[in-house]
Amino acid sequence: MFLVMYASRGVGLAAPQVGINRRLMVYNESGDPKDWLGETVMINPKIVEYSDATDIEQEGCLSFPEIRGDVERSKWIKVEAVNLKGKKFKKKFKGWEARIFQHEYDHLDGKVFIDRLTADSRKEAQPRLDGLIADFGEGAAI
């Protein structure tokens, strides 16, 4: 999954994006394949707490090439997950790392970032989304 993520110039990837029906995600907040110490794998992650404070930042997604838009997310989250060695852990994510996690976590729950676009970003993205629907059909899995 890291190879696909890096080849697509991404910073995160959820298993369902590549046809793996598992609650698994990988990310490297630097997006640099040489920064292997920054690679994180999370199995069965669960957000157990969200901050009330939010911010709006621009996001893109490997599942929707050439579409970017503003998305509101919690500034920090607390997460429980299992690592590759089968050990449970808890962690608090803030800032960029929290945004990456929430984006990938949405994929595990069948959501994509276009579901969370602000109204203005949705208006901007709609022509491209309409093009995708025309090319692939409304019921097509992306």
Protein backbone atom coordinates (compact mmCIF):
# COMPACT_ATOMS: atom_id res chain seq x y z
CA MET A 1 0.00 0.00 0.00
CA PHE A 2 2.88 2.36 0.67
CA LEU A 3 4.16 1.80 -2.87
CA VAL A 4 0.78 2.80 -4.34
CA MET A 5 0.58 5.79 -2.01
CA TYR A 6 4.04 7.08 -2.91
CA ALA A 7 3.55 6.42 -6.65
CA SER A 8 0.43 8.59 -6.47
CA ARG A 9 2.26 11.28 -4.50
CA GLY A 10 -0.07 10.81 -1.56
CA VAL A 11 0.45 10.94 2.19
CA GLY A 12 -2.16 8.35 3.16
CA LEU A 13 -4.10 5.40 1.80
CA ALA A 14 -6.94 3.28 3.16
CA ALA A 15 -7.25 -0.37 2.25
CA PRO A 16 -10.71 -0.02 0.61
CA GLN A 17 -9.19 2.41 -1.92
CA VAL A 18 -7.14 -0.43 -3.36
CA GLY A 19 -9.83 -3.13 -3.17
CA ILE A 20 -8.87 -4.57 0.22
CA ASN A 21 -11.95 -4.98 2.40
CA ARG A 22 -10.21 -4.41 5.72
CA ARG A 23 -10.13 -1.61 8.31
CA LEU A 24 -6.51 -0.80 7.61
CA MET A 25 -4.76 2.44 6.72
CA VAL A 26 -1.23 3.60 6.06
CA TYR A 27 0.23 7.08 6.03
CA ASN A 28 3.43 9.05 6.10
CA GLU A 29 2.76 12.69 6.83
CA SER A 30 5.90 13.77 4.95
CA GLY A 31 4.89 11.84 1.81
CA ASP A 32 8.60 11.07 1.32
CA PRO A 33 9.36 7.41 0.53
CA LYS A 34 12.87 7.90 1.94
CA ASP A 35 11.33 8.81 5.32
CA TRP A 36 10.48 5.20 6.21
CA LEU A 37 10.58 6.06 9.93
CA GLY A 38 7.54 8.25 9.30
CA GLU A 39 5.49 5.35 7.97
CA THR A 40 2.50 4.37 10.09
CA VAL A 41 0.20 1.37 9.71
CA MET A 42 -3.05 1.23 11.69
CA ILE A 43 -5.34 -1.76 11.95
CA ASN A 44 -8.94 -1.40 13.15
CA PRO A 45 -8.50 2.26 14.12
CA LYS A 46 -11.25 4.01 16.01
CA ILE A 47 -11.63 7.69 16.84
CA VAL A 48 -12.61 7.84 20.51
CA GLU A 49 -12.63 11.63 20.95
CA TYR A 50 -12.82 14.70 18.71
CA SER A 51 -11.93 18.28 19.56
CA ASP A 52 -14.73 20.82 19.48
CA ALA A 53 -12.36 23.15 17.64
CA THR A 54 -12.20 22.71 13.89
CA ASP A 55 -10.34 24.21 10.97
CA ILE A 56 -10.84 24.29 7.24
CA GLU A 57 -8.03 23.26 4.91
CA GLN A 58 -7.79 22.19 1.29
CA GLU A 59 -7.67 18.45 0.62
CA GLY A 60 -7.31 16.18 -2.36
CA CYS A 61 -7.71 12.44 -2.73
CA LEU A 62 -6.09 9.69 -4.75
CA SER A 63 -9.61 8.43 -5.54
CA PHE A 64 -10.55 11.76 -7.16
CA PRO A 65 -7.61 12.97 -9.24
CA GLU A 66 -7.51 16.67 -10.05
CA ILE A 67 -10.19 17.59 -7.50
CA ARG A 68 -9.25 19.65 -4.46
CA GLY A 69 -11.40 21.54 -2.02
CA ASP A 70 -11.89 22.90 1.46
CA VAL A 71 -12.91 20.42 4.17
CA GLU A 72 -13.70 21.13 7.82
CA ARG A 73 -12.09 18.71 10.30
CA SER A 74 -11.43 18.50 14.03
CA LYS A 75 -8.14 20.08 15.05
CA TRP A 76 -7.24 17.07 17.20
CA ILE A 77 -8.51 13.55 17.76
CA LYS A 78 -7.79 10.65 20.10
CA VAL A 79 -7.45 7.26 18.43
CA GLU A 80 -7.26 3.62 19.47
CA ALA A 81 -5.79 1.10 17.01
CA VAL A 82 -3.68 -2.02 16.62
CA ASN A 83 -0.16 -1.98 15.14
CA LEU A 84 1.43 -4.56 12.84
CA LYS A 85 2.64 -6.56 15.84
CA GLY A 86 -0.92 -6.93 17.11
CA LYS A 87 -0.43 -4.50 20.00
CA LYS A 88 -3.23 -2.08 20.90
CA PHE A 89 -2.25 1.55 21.35
CA LYS A 90 -3.79 4.97 21.91
CA LYS A 91 -2.57 8.21 20.41
CA LYS A 92 -3.61 11.84 20.16
CA PHE A 93 -3.22 13.37 16.70
CA LYS A 94 -3.02 17.12 16.07
CA GLY A 95 -2.80 19.35 13.03
CA TRP A 96 -1.74 17.84 9.70
CA GLU A 97 -1.49 14.31 11.11
CA ALA A 98 -5.03 14.56 12.54
CA ARG A 99 -6.31 15.71 9.14
CA ILE A 100 -4.62 12.83 7.31
CA PHE A 101 -5.99 10.32 9.80
CA GLN A 102 -9.56 11.67 9.57
CA HIS A 103 -9.42 11.65 5.77
CA GLU A 104 -8.28 8.00 5.63
CA TYR A 105 -10.64 7.01 8.45
CA ASP A 106 -13.56 8.30 6.38
CA HIS A 107 -12.63 5.79 3.65
CA LEU A 108 -12.95 2.98 6.20
CA ASP A 109 -16.50 4.16 6.90
CA GLY A 110 -17.45 4.48 3.22
CA LYS A 111 -17.09 8.25 3.07
CA VAL A 112 -14.90 10.29 0.74
CA PHE A 113 -13.65 13.83 1.03
CA ILE A 114 -16.11 15.17 -1.54
CA ASP A 115 -18.87 14.26 0.95
CA ARG A 116 -17.32 16.80 3.32
CA LEU A 117 -16.51 19.66 0.95
CA THR A 118 -17.62 23.13 2.02
CA ALA A 119 -20.50 24.53 -0.04
CA ASP A 120 -18.22 26.80 -2.10
CA SER A 121 -15.74 24.00 -2.80
CA ARG A 122 -18.57 21.68 -3.76
CA LYS A 123 -19.80 24.22 -6.33
CA GLU A 124 -16.28 24.48 -7.77
CA ALA A 125 -15.79 20.70 -7.89
CA GLN A 126 -19.25 19.85 -9.24
CA PRO A 127 -18.41 20.17 -12.98
CA ARG A 128 -15.47 17.76 -12.58
CA LEU A 129 -17.63 15.38 -10.49
CA ASP A 130 -20.34 15.53 -13.17
CA GLY A 131 -17.66 14.62 -15.71
CA LEU A 132 -16.64 11.60 -13.66
CA ILE A 133 -20.25 10.50 -13.40
CA ALA A 134 -20.65 10.86 -17.17
CA ASP A 135 -17.45 8.88 -17.78
CA PHE A 136 -18.00 6.10 -15.26
CA GLY A 137 -21.70 6.09 -14.42
CA GLU A 138 -23.46 7.14 -11.26
CA GLY A 139 -23.29 3.71 -9.62
CA ALA A 140 -19.66 3.01 -10.52
CA ALA A 141 -17.26 2.25 -7.69
CA ILE A 142 -14.31 4.60 -7.66
